[in-house]
């Protein structure tokens, strides 16, 4: 599985200016969450793994950023599927 990455779609010049550092912070939190969830995976269903990824990612962010973080859950669930499928290897 390749490392997960967060990409933002800024809507104005201020968001564009902040995009790169915010993407880096979100990506770092997601990658750390992925490693924690992968390491502790114990046969849970994909939906539960997906929710754990979201919870762990938000826990790794500043509370203000975490509150506004609404990722594409289909993408999060793809990472969860990769964790579940990789558990047997």
C-alpha atoms as a PDB file:
ATOM      1  CA  UNK A   1       0.000   0.000   0.000  1.00  0.00           C
ATOM      2  CA  UNK A   2       1.356   3.426  -0.878  1.00  0.00           C
ATOM      3  CA  UNK A   3       1.449   6.096   1.793  1.00  0.00           C
ATOM      4  CA  UNK A   4      -1.867   7.936   2.113  1.00  0.00           C
ATOM      5  CA  UNK A   5      -1.839  11.625   1.244  1.00  0.00           C
ATOM      6  CA  UNK A   6      -4.304  14.465   1.803  1.00  0.00           C
ATOM      7  CA  UNK A   7      -4.940  16.942  -1.015  1.00  0.00           C
ATOM      8  CA  UNK A   8      -6.960  20.106  -0.501  1.00  0.00           C
ATOM      9  CA  UNK A   9      -8.900  22.128  -3.062  1.00  0.00           C
ATOM     10  CA  UNK A  10      -8.533  25.805  -2.037  1.00  0.00           C
ATOM     11  CA  UNK A  11     -11.285  28.230  -2.986  1.00  0.00           C
ATOM     12  CA  UNK A  12      -9.595  31.582  -2.444  1.00  0.00           C
ATOM     13  CA  UNK A  13      -6.099  33.136  -2.249  1.00  0.00           C
ATOM     14  CA  UNK A  14      -5.867  32.798   1.550  1.00  0.00           C
ATOM     15  CA  UNK A  15      -6.702  29.103   1.387  1.00  0.00           C
ATOM     16  CA  UNK A  16      -4.205  28.697  -1.427  1.00  0.00           C
ATOM     17  CA  UNK A  17      -1.473  30.279   0.692  1.00  0.00           C
ATOM     18  CA  UNK A  18      -2.198  27.912   3.591  1.00  0.00           C
ATOM     19  CA  UNK A  19      -2.795  24.841   1.444  1.00  0.00           C
ATOM     20  CA  UNK A  20       0.693  23.330   1.432  1.00  0.00           C
ATOM     21  CA  UNK A  21       1.417  23.481   5.196  1.00  0.00           C
ATOM     22  CA  UNK A  22      -2.088  22.272   5.990  1.00  0.00           C
ATOM     23  CA  UNK A  23      -1.827  19.397   3.494  1.00  0.00           C
ATOM     24  CA  UNK A  24       1.493  18.423   5.068  1.00  0.00           C
ATOM     25  CA  UNK A  25       0.010  18.439   8.576  1.00  0.00           C
ATOM     26  CA  UNK A  26      -3.084  16.469   7.534  1.00  0.00           C
ATOM     27  CA  UNK A  27      -1.014  13.961   5.566  1.00  0.00           C
ATOM     28  CA  UNK A  28       1.351  13.445   8.487  1.00  0.00           C
ATOM     29  CA  UNK A  29      -1.563  12.856  10.874  1.00  0.00           C
ATOM     30  CA  UNK A  30      -3.191  10.426   8.431  1.00  0.00           C
ATOM     31  CA  UNK A  31       0.024   8.483   7.878  1.00  0.00           C
ATOM     32  CA  UNK A  32       0.649   8.206  11.628  1.00  0.00           C
ATOM     33  CA  UNK A  33      -2.960   7.104  12.158  1.00  0.00           C
ATOM     34  CA  UNK A  34      -2.606   4.520   9.402  1.00  0.00           C
ATOM     35  CA  UNK A  35       0.459   3.032  11.077  1.00  0.00           C
ATOM     36  CA  UNK A  36      -1.231   2.911  14.512  1.00  0.00           C
ATOM     37  CA  UNK A  37      -4.394   1.339  13.145  1.00  0.00           C
ATOM     38  CA  UNK A  38      -2.434  -1.145  11.027  1.00  0.00           C
ATOM     39  CA  UNK A  39      -0.302  -2.142  14.031  1.00  0.00           C
ATOM     40  CA  UNK A  40      -3.325  -2.734  16.252  1.00  0.00           C
ATOM     41  CA  UNK A  41      -5.650  -4.256  13.647  1.00  0.00           C
ATOM     42  CA  UNK A  42      -7.416  -7.271  15.122  1.00  0.00           C
ATOM     43  CA  UNK A  43      -9.900  -8.395  12.496  1.00  0.00           C
ATOM     44  CA  UNK A  44     -12.411  -5.552  12.761  1.00  0.00           C
ATOM     45  CA  UNK A  45     -14.707  -4.867   9.790  1.00  0.00           C
ATOM     46  CA  UNK A  46     -13.721  -2.238   7.233  1.00  0.00           C
ATOM     47  CA  UNK A  47     -16.311   0.259   8.512  1.00  0.00           C
ATOM     48  CA  UNK A  48     -14.832   0.148  12.006  1.00  0.00           C
ATOM     49  CA  UNK A  49     -11.277   0.463  10.680  1.00  0.00           C
ATOM     50  CA  UNK A  50     -12.365   3.457   8.590  1.00  0.00           C
ATOM     51  CA  UNK A  51     -13.852   5.159  11.659  1.00  0.00           C
ATOM     52  CA  UNK A  52     -10.708   4.398  13.684  1.00  0.00           C
ATOM     53  CA  UNK A  53      -8.594   5.997  10.943  1.00  0.00           C
ATOM     54  CA  UNK A  54     -10.712   9.135  11.089  1.00  0.00           C
ATOM     55  CA  UNK A  55     -10.636   9.261  14.895  1.00  0.00           C
ATOM     56  CA  UNK A  56      -6.878   8.652  15.059  1.00  0.00           C
ATOM     57  CA  UNK A  57      -6.200  11.234  12.361  1.00  0.00           C
ATOM     58  CA  UNK A  58      -8.262  13.871  14.151  1.00  0.00           C
ATOM     59  CA  UNK A  59      -6.550  13.012  17.450  1.00  0.00           C
ATOM     60  CA  UNK A  60      -3.218  13.880  15.807  1.00  0.00           C
ATOM     61  CA  UNK A  61      -4.356  17.364  14.795  1.00  0.00           C
ATOM     62  CA  UNK A  62      -4.780  20.655  16.609  1.00  0.00           C
ATOM     63  CA  UNK A  63      -8.391  20.729  17.906  1.00  0.00           C
ATOM     64  CA  UNK A  64      -9.356  23.634  15.632  1.00  0.00           C
ATOM     65  CA  UNK A  65      -8.031  21.850  12.562  1.00  0.00           C
ATOM     66  CA  UNK A  66      -9.564  18.543  13.641  1.00  0.00           C
ATOM     67  CA  UNK A  67     -12.970  20.192  14.048  1.00  0.00           C
ATOM     68  CA  UNK A  68     -12.900  21.439  10.465  1.00  0.00           C
ATOM     69  CA  UNK A  69     -11.426  18.284   8.937  1.00  0.00           C
ATOM     70  CA  UNK A  70     -14.090  16.602   6.797  1.00  0.00           C
ATOM     71  CA  UNK A  71     -12.248  14.193   4.527  1.00  0.00           C
ATOM     72  CA  UNK A  72     -13.573  12.235   1.601  1.00  0.00           C
ATOM     73  CA  UNK A  73     -14.707   9.136   3.492  1.00  0.00           C
ATOM     74  CA  UNK A  74     -14.503   6.987   0.355  1.00  0.00           C
ATOM     75  CA  UNK A  75     -10.774   7.675   0.298  1.00  0.00           C
ATOM     76  CA  UNK A  76     -10.443   6.931   4.027  1.00  0.00           C
ATOM     77  CA  UNK A  77     -12.298   3.671   3.510  1.00  0.00           C
ATOM     78  CA  UNK A  78      -9.916   2.726   0.683  1.00  0.00           C
ATOM     79  CA  UNK A  79      -7.072   3.015   3.179  1.00  0.00           C
ATOM     80  CA  UNK A  80      -9.111   0.915   5.628  1.00  0.00           C
ATOM     81  CA  UNK A  81      -9.660  -1.756   2.972  1.00  0.00           C
ATOM     82  CA  UNK A  82      -5.915  -1.836   2.318  1.00  0.00           C
ATOM     83  CA  UNK A  83      -5.278  -2.334   6.047  1.00  0.00           C
ATOM     84  CA  UNK A  84      -7.852  -5.124   6.252  1.00  0.00           C
ATOM     85  CA  UNK A  85      -6.539  -6.879   3.122  1.00  0.00           C
ATOM     86  CA  UNK A  86      -2.939  -6.489   4.230  1.00  0.00           C
ATOM     87  CA  UNK A  87      -3.600  -8.027   7.635  1.00  0.00           C
ATOM     88  CA  UNK A  88      -3.166 -11.541   6.313  1.00  0.00           C
ATOM     89  CA  UNK A  89       0.245 -10.857   4.793  1.00  0.00           C
END
